N, C-alpha and C. Protein backbone atom coordinates (compact mmCIF):
# COMPACT_ATOMS: atom_id res chain seq x y z
N MET A 1 0.85 -1.17 0.00
CA MET A 1 0.00 0.00 0.00
C MET A 1 0.90 1.23 0.00
N SER A 2 0.62 2.16 -0.88
CA SER A 2 1.42 3.38 -0.94
C SER A 2 1.06 4.29 0.24
N ALA A 3 1.95 5.24 0.51
CA ALA A 3 1.70 6.20 1.58
C ALA A 3 0.44 7.01 1.29
N GLU A 4 0.22 7.35 0.03
CA GLU A 4 -0.97 8.12 -0.34
C GLU A 4 -2.24 7.31 -0.10
N ASP A 5 -2.22 6.03 -0.48
CA ASP A 5 -3.38 5.17 -0.24
C ASP A 5 -3.63 5.02 1.25
N PHE A 6 -2.56 4.88 2.04
CA PHE A 6 -2.70 4.75 3.49
C PHE A 6 -3.36 5.99 4.05
N THR A 7 -2.89 7.16 3.63
CA THR A 7 -3.45 8.42 4.13
C THR A 7 -4.93 8.53 3.79
N ARG A 8 -5.29 8.24 2.58
CA ARG A 8 -6.69 8.36 2.17
C ARG A 8 -7.57 7.31 2.84
N THR A 9 -7.02 6.15 3.14
CA THR A 9 -7.80 5.07 3.73
C THR A 9 -7.95 5.23 5.24
N PHE A 10 -6.87 5.56 5.93
CA PHE A 10 -6.89 5.52 7.38
C PHE A 10 -6.93 6.89 8.05
N ILE A 11 -6.56 7.93 7.36
CA ILE A 11 -6.56 9.25 7.97
C ILE A 11 -7.70 10.10 7.42
N ALA A 12 -8.41 9.60 6.46
CA ALA A 12 -9.58 10.26 5.89
C ALA A 12 -9.25 11.64 5.35
N ALA A 13 -8.22 11.71 4.54
CA ALA A 13 -7.87 12.97 3.89
C ALA A 13 -8.96 13.32 2.89
N PRO A 14 -9.30 14.60 2.80
CA PRO A 14 -10.32 14.99 1.83
C PRO A 14 -9.84 14.71 0.41
N ALA A 15 -10.78 14.43 -0.47
CA ALA A 15 -10.45 14.11 -1.86
C ALA A 15 -9.71 15.27 -2.53
N ASP A 16 -10.17 16.47 -2.31
CA ASP A 16 -9.53 17.66 -2.86
C ASP A 16 -9.28 18.65 -1.73
N PRO A 17 -8.16 18.53 -1.04
CA PRO A 17 -7.91 19.44 0.08
C PRO A 17 -7.84 20.88 -0.39
N PRO A 18 -8.35 21.82 0.40
CA PRO A 18 -8.29 23.23 0.02
C PRO A 18 -6.83 23.69 -0.11
N ALA A 19 -6.57 24.58 -1.04
CA ALA A 19 -5.23 25.12 -1.22
C ALA A 19 -4.88 26.11 -0.11
N ASP A 20 -5.88 26.72 0.49
CA ASP A 20 -5.69 27.70 1.55
C ASP A 20 -5.48 26.98 2.88
N PRO A 21 -4.35 27.22 3.58
CA PRO A 21 -4.12 26.52 4.84
C PRO A 21 -5.16 26.82 5.91
N VAL A 22 -5.69 28.04 5.93
CA VAL A 22 -6.74 28.36 6.91
C VAL A 22 -7.99 27.53 6.62
N ALA A 23 -8.35 27.39 5.36
CA ALA A 23 -9.51 26.57 5.00
C ALA A 23 -9.27 25.11 5.40
N SER A 24 -8.04 24.65 5.24
CA SER A 24 -7.73 23.27 5.64
C SER A 24 -7.92 23.07 7.13
N VAL A 25 -7.43 24.00 7.92
CA VAL A 25 -7.57 23.90 9.38
C VAL A 25 -9.03 24.04 9.78
N ASN A 26 -9.75 24.94 9.15
CA ASN A 26 -11.18 25.09 9.45
C ASN A 26 -11.95 23.83 9.11
N GLN A 27 -11.56 23.17 8.03
CA GLN A 27 -12.23 21.93 7.63
C GLN A 27 -12.07 20.85 8.69
N LEU A 28 -10.99 20.92 9.45
CA LEU A 28 -10.75 19.97 10.54
C LEU A 28 -11.54 20.32 11.79
N GLY A 29 -12.21 21.46 11.79
CA GLY A 29 -13.03 21.86 12.93
C GLY A 29 -12.31 22.74 13.93
N ALA A 30 -11.29 23.44 13.51
CA ALA A 30 -10.53 24.30 14.42
C ALA A 30 -11.39 25.43 14.95
N VAL A 31 -11.07 25.85 16.14
CA VAL A 31 -11.68 27.03 16.74
C VAL A 31 -10.56 28.03 16.95
N TRP A 32 -10.74 29.24 16.42
CA TRP A 32 -9.71 30.26 16.46
C TRP A 32 -9.99 31.27 17.56
N SER A 33 -8.92 31.88 18.07
CA SER A 33 -9.08 32.99 18.99
C SER A 33 -9.77 34.13 18.25
N PRO A 34 -10.69 34.83 18.92
CA PRO A 34 -11.34 35.96 18.26
C PRO A 34 -10.36 37.09 17.96
N ASP A 35 -9.17 37.04 18.56
CA ASP A 35 -8.17 38.09 18.39
C ASP A 35 -7.06 37.70 17.41
N PHE A 36 -7.15 36.53 16.79
CA PHE A 36 -6.04 36.05 15.98
C PHE A 36 -5.72 36.99 14.81
N ASP A 37 -6.71 37.47 14.10
CA ASP A 37 -6.45 38.35 12.96
C ASP A 37 -5.75 39.64 13.40
N ALA A 38 -6.20 40.23 14.50
CA ALA A 38 -5.55 41.45 15.00
C ALA A 38 -4.11 41.18 15.40
N TYR A 39 -3.85 40.04 16.02
CA TYR A 39 -2.49 39.68 16.39
C TYR A 39 -1.64 39.45 15.14
N ALA A 40 -2.15 38.68 14.18
CA ALA A 40 -1.39 38.35 12.98
C ALA A 40 -1.06 39.59 12.15
N SER A 41 -1.90 40.62 12.24
CA SER A 41 -1.66 41.84 11.47
C SER A 41 -0.82 42.84 12.26
N GLY A 42 -0.40 42.48 13.47
CA GLY A 42 0.44 43.36 14.26
C GLY A 42 -0.30 44.41 15.04
N GLN A 43 -1.63 44.34 15.09
CA GLN A 43 -2.42 45.34 15.79
C GLN A 43 -2.58 45.03 17.28
N LEU A 44 -2.24 43.81 17.69
CA LEU A 44 -2.48 43.39 19.07
C LEU A 44 -1.28 42.61 19.58
N ASP A 45 -0.83 42.95 20.77
CA ASP A 45 0.28 42.24 21.40
C ASP A 45 -0.18 40.85 21.84
N ILE A 46 0.72 39.88 21.78
CA ILE A 46 0.37 38.49 22.13
C ILE A 46 -0.19 38.37 23.55
N SER A 47 0.23 39.23 24.44
CA SER A 47 -0.25 39.16 25.83
C SER A 47 -1.73 39.51 25.93
N ARG A 48 -2.29 40.12 24.89
CA ARG A 48 -3.71 40.50 24.90
C ARG A 48 -4.59 39.61 24.04
N VAL A 49 -4.01 38.55 23.46
CA VAL A 49 -4.78 37.63 22.62
C VAL A 49 -5.55 36.66 23.52
N ARG A 50 -6.86 36.63 23.33
CA ARG A 50 -7.69 35.73 24.13
C ARG A 50 -7.54 34.29 23.65
N CYS A 51 -7.55 33.37 24.60
CA CYS A 51 -7.47 31.94 24.33
C CYS A 51 -8.71 31.51 23.54
N ALA A 52 -8.52 30.59 22.62
CA ALA A 52 -9.64 30.09 21.82
C ALA A 52 -10.61 29.27 22.67
N LEU A 53 -10.14 28.68 23.76
CA LEU A 53 -11.03 27.86 24.59
C LEU A 53 -11.69 28.66 25.71
N CYS A 54 -10.87 29.25 26.60
CA CYS A 54 -11.46 29.92 27.76
C CYS A 54 -11.87 31.36 27.49
N GLN A 55 -11.38 31.93 26.36
CA GLN A 55 -11.70 33.30 25.95
C GLN A 55 -11.05 34.35 26.85
N HIS A 56 -10.04 33.99 27.64
CA HIS A 56 -9.36 34.93 28.52
C HIS A 56 -7.95 35.21 28.01
N ALA A 57 -7.46 36.42 28.33
CA ALA A 57 -6.07 36.78 28.03
C ALA A 57 -5.46 37.28 29.33
N PRO A 58 -4.48 36.62 29.86
CA PRO A 58 -3.89 35.37 29.37
C PRO A 58 -4.79 34.18 29.67
N CYS A 59 -4.50 33.09 29.00
CA CYS A 59 -5.28 31.86 29.14
C CYS A 59 -5.29 31.38 30.59
N ASP A 60 -6.45 30.94 31.03
CA ASP A 60 -6.53 30.29 32.35
C ASP A 60 -7.37 29.02 32.27
N CYS A 61 -7.14 28.27 31.18
CA CYS A 61 -7.82 26.98 31.01
C CYS A 61 -7.44 26.02 32.13
N PRO A 62 -8.33 25.10 32.45
CA PRO A 62 -7.96 24.03 33.37
C PRO A 62 -6.80 23.22 32.77
N PRO A 63 -6.08 22.49 33.59
CA PRO A 63 -4.96 21.69 33.05
C PRO A 63 -5.42 20.74 31.95
N PHE A 64 -4.54 20.58 30.94
CA PHE A 64 -4.83 19.69 29.82
C PHE A 64 -5.15 18.30 30.32
N GLY A 65 -6.18 17.70 29.76
CA GLY A 65 -6.54 16.33 30.09
C GLY A 65 -7.55 16.20 31.21
N THR A 66 -7.86 17.29 31.88
CA THR A 66 -8.82 17.22 32.98
C THR A 66 -10.25 17.31 32.43
N PRO A 67 -11.23 16.88 33.22
CA PRO A 67 -12.62 16.98 32.76
C PRO A 67 -13.01 18.42 32.41
N GLY A 68 -12.52 19.39 33.18
CA GLY A 68 -12.84 20.79 32.89
C GLY A 68 -12.30 21.25 31.55
N TYR A 69 -11.11 20.78 31.21
CA TYR A 69 -10.51 21.13 29.92
C TYR A 69 -11.35 20.57 28.78
N PHE A 70 -11.70 19.30 28.87
CA PHE A 70 -12.50 18.69 27.81
C PHE A 70 -13.91 19.27 27.75
N ALA A 71 -14.44 19.72 28.88
CA ALA A 71 -15.74 20.39 28.88
C ALA A 71 -15.66 21.70 28.10
N LEU A 72 -14.54 22.44 28.23
CA LEU A 72 -14.37 23.67 27.45
C LEU A 72 -14.30 23.37 25.96
N ILE A 73 -13.60 22.31 25.59
CA ILE A 73 -13.53 21.93 24.18
C ILE A 73 -14.93 21.61 23.66
N ASP A 74 -15.69 20.82 24.42
CA ASP A 74 -17.05 20.49 23.99
C ASP A 74 -17.91 21.74 23.86
N LEU A 75 -17.78 22.67 24.80
CA LEU A 75 -18.55 23.90 24.77
C LEU A 75 -18.22 24.71 23.52
N ARG A 76 -16.94 24.89 23.22
CA ARG A 76 -16.53 25.70 22.07
C ARG A 76 -16.92 25.06 20.74
N HIS A 77 -17.06 23.73 20.73
CA HIS A 77 -17.46 23.05 19.50
C HIS A 77 -18.95 22.78 19.44
N GLY A 78 -19.70 23.30 20.42
CA GLY A 78 -21.15 23.18 20.40
C GLY A 78 -21.66 21.79 20.74
N ARG A 79 -20.82 21.02 21.47
CA ARG A 79 -21.24 19.66 21.86
C ARG A 79 -21.66 19.68 23.32
N ASN A 80 -22.56 18.79 23.64
CA ASN A 80 -23.04 18.66 25.02
C ASN A 80 -23.14 17.16 25.35
N PRO A 81 -21.99 16.49 25.56
CA PRO A 81 -22.02 15.05 25.75
C PRO A 81 -22.75 14.60 27.01
N ALA A 82 -22.82 15.44 28.02
CA ALA A 82 -23.48 15.07 29.26
C ALA A 82 -24.99 15.22 29.16
N GLY A 83 -25.45 15.92 28.14
CA GLY A 83 -26.90 16.11 27.96
C GLY A 83 -27.51 17.11 28.90
N ALA A 84 -26.66 17.93 29.54
CA ALA A 84 -27.16 18.91 30.50
C ALA A 84 -27.72 20.13 29.81
């Protein structure tokens, strides 16, 4: 099996991936900081960029891997696995 066949079979690569890297990341379901464009254009210092998950600058997310961290991910992606 070629590497390309492996990628398409097991990693579910899109048939025609977008040429734009932002579109590619968005297609994967990325959530961006609301301040990313201002930071990337030099209008905002990194210390003032809000976190994509907790929405705070600086970030104060719960530790990675904890239930609180995964709850923030679910919230930002519009999922409610607990059914609450």
